[in-house]
C-alpha atoms as a PDB file:
ATOM      1  CA  MET A   1      39.076 206.328 302.130  1.00  0.00           C
ATOM      2  CA  LYS A   2      38.902 204.905 298.784  1.00  0.00           C
ATOM      3  CA  ARG A   3      42.343 205.877 297.697  1.00  0.00           C
ATOM      4  CA  GLY A   4      43.726 203.791 301.231  1.00  0.00           C
ATOM      5  CA  ILE A   5      41.370 200.874 300.082  1.00  0.00           C
ATOM      6  CA  LEU A   6      42.856 200.391 297.106  1.00  0.00           C
ATOM      7  CA  LEU A   7      46.589 201.610 298.179  1.00  0.00           C
ATOM      8  CA  GLY A   8      45.651 198.280 300.184  1.00  0.00           C
ATOM      9  CA  LEU A   9      44.832 196.483 297.787  1.00  0.00           C
ATOM     10  CA  LEU A  10      47.519 197.451 295.578  1.00  0.00           C
ATOM     11  CA  ILE A  11      49.756 196.666 297.852  1.00  0.00           C
ATOM     12  CA  SER A  12      48.222 193.167 299.136  1.00  0.00           C
ATOM     13  CA  LEU A  13      47.664 192.028 294.771  1.00  0.00           C
ATOM     14  CA  LEU A  14      51.799 193.840 295.123  1.00  0.00           C
ATOM     15  CA  LEU A  15      53.435 191.076 297.881  1.00  0.00           C
ATOM     16  CA  PHE A  16      50.725 188.511 296.608  1.00  0.00           C
ATOM     17  CA  ALA A  17      52.439 188.005 293.105  1.00  0.00           C
ATOM     18  CA  LEU A  18      55.560 188.808 294.672  1.00  0.00           C
ATOM     19  CA  SER A  19      55.963 186.063 297.650  1.00  0.00           C
ATOM     20  CA  ALA A  20      54.500 183.741 294.481  1.00  0.00           C
ATOM     21  CA  TYR A  21      58.030 184.993 292.276  1.00  0.00           C
ATOM     22  CA  VAL A  22      60.151 183.671 295.794  1.00  0.00           C
ATOM     23  CA  ILE A  23      58.486 180.874 296.045  1.00  0.00           C
ATOM     24  CA  VAL A  24      58.777 179.870 292.394  1.00  0.00           C
ATOM     25  CA  THR A  25      61.773 180.913 292.125  1.00  0.00           C
ATOM     26  CA  SER A  26      63.465 179.487 295.504  1.00  0.00           C
ATOM     27  CA  GLY A  27      63.871 176.195 294.420  1.00  0.00           C
ATOM     28  CA  CYS A  28      61.704 174.681 296.594  1.00  0.00           C
ATOM     29  CA  ILE A  29      59.024 173.549 295.007  1.00  0.00           C
ATOM     30  CA  ASN A  30      60.433 170.071 293.686  1.00  0.00           C
ATOM     31  CA  PRO A  31      59.289 169.407 289.993  1.00  0.00           C
ATOM     32  CA  GLY A  32      59.912 166.009 290.059  1.00  0.00           C
ATOM     33  CA  ALA A  33      57.637 163.690 288.412  1.00  0.00           C
ATOM     34  CA  ASP A  34      57.783 160.956 291.139  1.00  0.00           C
ATOM     35  CA  GLU A  35      56.533 163.046 293.829  1.00  0.00           C
ATOM     36  CA  PRO A  36      52.388 163.526 294.078  1.00  0.00           C
ATOM     37  CA  ILE A  37      51.309 166.879 292.402  1.00  0.00           C
ATOM     38  CA  PRO A  38      50.385 169.557 294.624  1.00  0.00           C
ATOM     39  CA  ASP A  39      46.428 170.473 295.310  1.00  0.00           C
ATOM     40  CA  ILE A  40      46.715 174.289 294.609  1.00  0.00           C
ATOM     41  CA  GLU A  41      48.311 172.430 291.297  1.00  0.00           C
ATOM     42  CA  ARG A  42      45.987 169.047 290.464  1.00  0.00           C
ATOM     43  CA  TRP A  43      43.552 172.824 290.261  1.00  0.00           C
ATOM     44  CA  ALA A  44      45.601 175.145 288.214  1.00  0.00           C
ATOM     45  CA  ALA A  45      45.921 172.644 285.311  1.00  0.00           C
ATOM     46  CA  LYS A  46      42.499 171.284 285.673  1.00  0.00           C
ATOM     47  CA  SER A  47      40.769 174.564 286.164  1.00  0.00           C
ATOM     48  CA  SER A  48      42.312 175.583 282.964  1.00  0.00           C
ATOM     49  CA  LEU A  49      41.755 172.935 280.689  1.00  0.00           C
ATOM     50  CA  ARG A  50      39.059 171.669 281.265  1.00  0.00           C
ATOM     51  CA  ALA A  51      37.794 176.392 280.991  1.00  0.00           C
ATOM     52  CA  TYR A  52      39.902 176.190 277.439  1.00  0.00           C
ATOM     53  CA  LEU A  53      38.153 172.941 276.187  1.00  0.00           C
ATOM     54  CA  LYS A  54      34.733 174.048 277.712  1.00  0.00           C
ATOM     55  CA  SER A  55      34.821 177.056 274.955  1.00  0.00           C
ATOM     56  CA  ASN A  56      37.303 176.112 272.185  1.00  0.00           C
ATOM     57  CA  VAL A  57      37.278 172.499 270.714  1.00  0.00           C
ATOM     58  CA  PRO A  58      35.279 172.417 267.969  1.00  0.00           C
ATOM     59  CA  LYS A  59      31.996 170.400 267.170  1.00  0.00           C
ATOM     60  CA  LYS A  60      32.518 169.011 263.503  1.00  0.00           C
ATOM     61  CA  ASN A  61      31.552 165.558 262.510  1.00  0.00           C
ATOM     62  CA  SER A  62      34.344 162.848 261.936  1.00  0.00           C
ATOM     63  CA  PRO A  63      35.212 162.597 258.409  1.00  0.00           C
ATOM     64  CA  VAL A  64      35.904 159.276 258.473  1.00  0.00           C
ATOM     65  CA  PRO A  65      32.753 156.572 258.486  1.00  0.00           C
ATOM     66  CA  VAL A  66      32.787 152.937 260.668  1.00  0.00           C
ATOM     67  CA  THR A  67      33.723 150.150 259.092  1.00  0.00           C
ATOM     68  CA  ASP A  68      35.392 146.788 259.233  1.00  0.00           C
ATOM     69  CA  ALA A  69      38.681 147.936 258.238  1.00  0.00           C
ATOM     70  CA  ASN A  70      38.751 151.461 259.120  1.00  0.00           C
ATOM     71  CA  LEU A  71      38.573 150.024 263.370  1.00  0.00           C
ATOM     72  CA  GLN A  72      41.669 147.937 262.293  1.00  0.00           C
ATOM     73  CA  ASP A  73      44.006 151.131 261.144  1.00  0.00           C
ATOM     74  CA  GLY A  74      42.632 152.905 263.883  1.00  0.00           C
ATOM     75  CA  ALA A  75      43.447 149.958 266.247  1.00  0.00           C
ATOM     76  CA  ARG A  76      47.233 149.796 264.589  1.00  0.00           C
ATOM     77  CA  LEU A  77      47.673 153.477 264.684  1.00  0.00           C
ATOM     78  CA  TYR A  78      46.550 152.892 268.329  1.00  0.00           C
ATOM     79  CA  LEU A  79      48.724 150.376 269.481  1.00  0.00           C
ATOM     80  CA  ASN A  80      51.595 152.106 266.679  1.00  0.00           C
ATOM     81  CA  HIS A  81      51.044 155.746 268.951  1.00  0.00           C
ATOM     82  CA  CYS A  82      49.055 155.277 272.559  1.00  0.00           C
ATOM     83  CA  ALA A  83      48.497 151.781 274.097  1.00  0.00           C
ATOM     84  CA  SER A  84      52.429 152.335 275.556  1.00  0.00           C
ATOM     85  CA  CYS A  85      51.157 154.715 277.164  1.00  0.00           C
ATOM     86  CA  HIS A  86      47.284 154.676 277.574  1.00  0.00           C
ATOM     87  CA  GLY A  87      47.673 150.557 277.726  1.00  0.00           C
ATOM     88  CA  PHE A  88      46.458 146.968 275.730  1.00  0.00           C
ATOM     89  CA  ALA A  89      43.837 145.570 276.230  1.00  0.00           C
ATOM     90  CA  ASP A  90      44.841 143.360 279.493  1.00  0.00           C
ATOM     91  CA  ALA A  91      45.093 147.256 280.570  1.00  0.00           C
ATOM     92  CA  LYS A  92      48.375 146.931 281.593  1.00  0.00           C
ATOM     93  CA  MET A  93      51.492 150.307 280.667  1.00  0.00           C
ATOM     94  CA  SER A  94      54.320 150.190 280.008  1.00  0.00           C
ATOM     95  CA  THR A  95      56.963 150.202 282.499  1.00  0.00           C
ATOM     96  CA  THR A  96      58.175 153.867 281.145  1.00  0.00           C
ATOM     97  CA  ALA A  97      54.150 155.159 281.575  1.00  0.00           C
ATOM     98  CA  GLU A  98      54.390 153.701 284.690  1.00  0.00           C
ATOM     99  CA  GLY A  99      57.068 157.071 285.235  1.00  0.00           C
ATOM    100  CA  LEU A 100      54.815 159.500 283.831  1.00  0.00           C
ATOM    101  CA  TYR A 101      53.860 162.461 285.466  1.00  0.00           C
ATOM    102  CA  LYS A 102      50.384 162.833 285.679  1.00  0.00           C
ATOM    103  CA  ARG A 103      49.467 159.113 285.213  1.00  0.00           C
ATOM    104  CA  PRO A 104      47.184 158.999 281.501  1.00  0.00           C
ATOM    105  CA  PRO A 105      44.677 157.068 281.776  1.00  0.00           C
ATOM    106  CA  ILE A 106      44.280 153.578 280.342  1.00  0.00           C
ATOM    107  CA  PHE A 107      41.483 153.164 278.121  1.00  0.00           C
ATOM    108  CA  ALA A 108      40.433 149.840 278.409  1.00  0.00           C
ATOM    109  CA  LYS A 109      39.627 149.618 281.629  1.00  0.00           C
ATOM    110  CA  GLU A 110      36.938 152.427 281.199  1.00  0.00           C
ATOM    111  CA  ASP A 111      33.797 152.998 278.568  1.00  0.00           C
ATOM    112  CA  TRP A 112      34.993 156.227 276.458  1.00  0.00           C
ATOM    113  CA  SER A 113      31.869 155.078 274.006  1.00  0.00           C
ATOM    114  CA  LYS A 114      29.744 158.454 275.704  1.00  0.00           C
ATOM    115  CA  ASP A 115      32.957 160.681 275.582  1.00  0.00           C
ATOM    116  CA  ASP A 116      32.253 162.979 272.672  1.00  0.00           C
ATOM    117  CA  ASP A 117      34.461 162.061 269.507  1.00  0.00           C
ATOM    118  CA  ASN A 118      35.307 166.485 269.862  1.00  0.00           C
ATOM    119  CA  LEU A 119      37.376 165.634 272.435  1.00  0.00           C
ATOM    120  CA  ILE A 120      38.956 162.749 272.033  1.00  0.00           C
ATOM    121  CA  TYR A 121      40.412 163.986 268.338  1.00  0.00           C
ATOM    122  CA  TRP A 122      41.905 167.323 269.703  1.00  0.00           C
ATOM    123  CA  PHE A 123      43.495 165.989 272.855  1.00  0.00           C
ATOM    124  CA  ILE A 124      45.369 163.489 269.871  1.00  0.00           C
ATOM    125  CA  ASN A 125      45.478 166.311 267.902  1.00  0.00           C
ATOM    126  CA  HIS A 126      46.605 169.126 270.094  1.00  0.00           C
ATOM    127  CA  GLY A 127      48.447 166.845 273.236  1.00  0.00           C
ATOM    128  CA  VAL A 128      48.127 168.092 276.961  1.00  0.00           C
ATOM    129  CA  ARG A 129      51.282 170.605 277.998  1.00  0.00           C
ATOM    130  CA  LEU A 130      52.961 169.251 281.075  1.00  0.00           C
ATOM    131  CA  THR A 131      51.398 166.404 280.704  1.00  0.00           C
ATOM    132  CA  GLY A 132      53.425 164.029 278.547  1.00  0.00           C
ATOM    133  CA  MET A 133      50.940 163.991 275.764  1.00  0.00           C
ATOM    134  CA  PRO A 134      52.019 164.914 272.750  1.00  0.00           C
ATOM    135  CA  ALA A 135      50.632 166.088 269.445  1.00  0.00           C
ATOM    136  CA  TYR A 136      49.981 164.375 267.106  1.00  0.00           C
ATOM    137  CA  ASN A 137      48.695 166.777 264.434  1.00  0.00           C
ATOM    138  CA  LYS A 138      52.654 167.212 263.103  1.00  0.00           C
ATOM    139  CA  THR A 139      52.984 163.235 263.031  1.00  0.00           C
ATOM    140  CA  LEU A 140      49.420 161.774 262.329  1.00  0.00           C
ATOM    141  CA  LYS A 141      47.005 162.146 259.120  1.00  0.00           C
ATOM    142  CA  GLU A 142      43.794 164.353 260.356  1.00  0.00           C
ATOM    143  CA  ASP A 143      41.740 160.587 258.566  1.00  0.00           C
ATOM    144  CA  GLU A 144      44.629 158.585 261.079  1.00  0.00           C
ATOM    145  CA  MET A 145      43.633 160.645 263.742  1.00  0.00           C
ATOM    146  CA  TRP A 146      39.490 160.045 263.569  1.00  0.00           C
ATOM    147  CA  LYS A 147      40.484 156.614 263.204  1.00  0.00           C
ATOM    148  CA  ILE A 148      41.983 156.163 266.340  1.00  0.00           C
ATOM    149  CA  VAL A 149      39.281 158.285 267.645  1.00  0.00           C
ATOM    150  CA  MET A 150      36.845 155.646 266.582  1.00  0.00           C
ATOM    151  CA  PHE A 151      38.878 152.729 267.906  1.00  0.00           C
ATOM    152  CA  ILE A 152      38.793 154.231 271.338  1.00  0.00           C
ATOM    153  CA  LYS A 153      34.875 154.763 271.379  1.00  0.00           C
ATOM    154  CA  ARG A 154      34.528 151.082 270.302  1.00  0.00           C
ATOM    155  CA  MET A 155      36.850 149.595 271.864  1.00  0.00           C
ATOM    156  CA  ASN A 156      34.924 147.335 273.882  1.00  0.00           C
ATOM    157  CA  SER A 157      32.302 146.025 271.739  1.00  0.00           C
ATOM    158  CA  LEU A 158      34.833 145.136 267.943  1.00  0.00           C
ATOM    159  CA  PRO A 159      34.051 143.260 264.780  1.00  0.00           C
ATOM    160  CA  ALA A 160      35.861 139.624 265.598  1.00  0.00           C
ATOM    161  CA  ASP A 161      39.306 140.406 263.299  1.00  0.00           C
ATOM    162  CA  THR A 162      40.161 143.655 265.200  1.00  0.00           C
ATOM    163  CA  ALA A 163      39.113 142.379 268.450  1.00  0.00           C
ATOM    164  CA  THR A 164      41.810 139.213 268.395  1.00  0.00           C
ATOM    165  CA  TYR A 165      43.756 142.072 266.423  1.00  0.00           C
ATOM    166  CA  TRP A 166      43.827 143.852 269.333  1.00  0.00           C
ATOM    167  CA  LYS A 167      43.270 141.681 272.594  1.00  0.00           C
ATOM    168  CA  GLY A 168      45.981 139.604 271.088  1.00  0.00           C
ATOM    169  CA  ALA A 169      48.115 142.788 271.693  1.00  0.00           C
ATOM    170  CA  LYS A 170      50.418 142.614 275.296  1.00  0.00           C
ATOM    171  CA  ALA A 171      52.773 145.590 276.537  1.00  0.00           C
ATOM    172  CA  GLN A 172      55.881 145.659 276.504  1.00  0.00           C
ATOM    173  CA  THR A 173      59.059 146.761 279.063  1.00  0.00           C
ATOM    174  CA  PHE A 174      60.985 149.460 277.419  1.00  0.00           C
END
């Protein structure tokens, strides 16, 4: 009896794996970035990311103090590296970002002040597979990434000079 149940489970698992393989390799899943994301794919990606982040994002304090100069640097770095996808002060993104699969969050539309610094830093540092979000750990220095975190978290409450600089930048078509 137990042997029959185990054999049935094994055959079921093998058939499931074979079916998944045939579906993936047959070309019936459209990989186009302009297609809606299937619910199962969205669930798998989000579940995997949440589970990983829950236990793998280190907790540390930013080595960069919050100063007007560092916020200005953060704004400059954000505009140079992030704004074309994550938007400008006018909450608009570039036309290139509009075609990304999956659309990136537009930071000026939301309040990020309560979000975990370490989580934002992790996304900047490591990027996210299959989303268009690159890992900046080979492009930016650690303090530059922390300055971007500092800017994102304070985007809605900047000192006057930084706010003027930030609000003067506009999305460009490229």
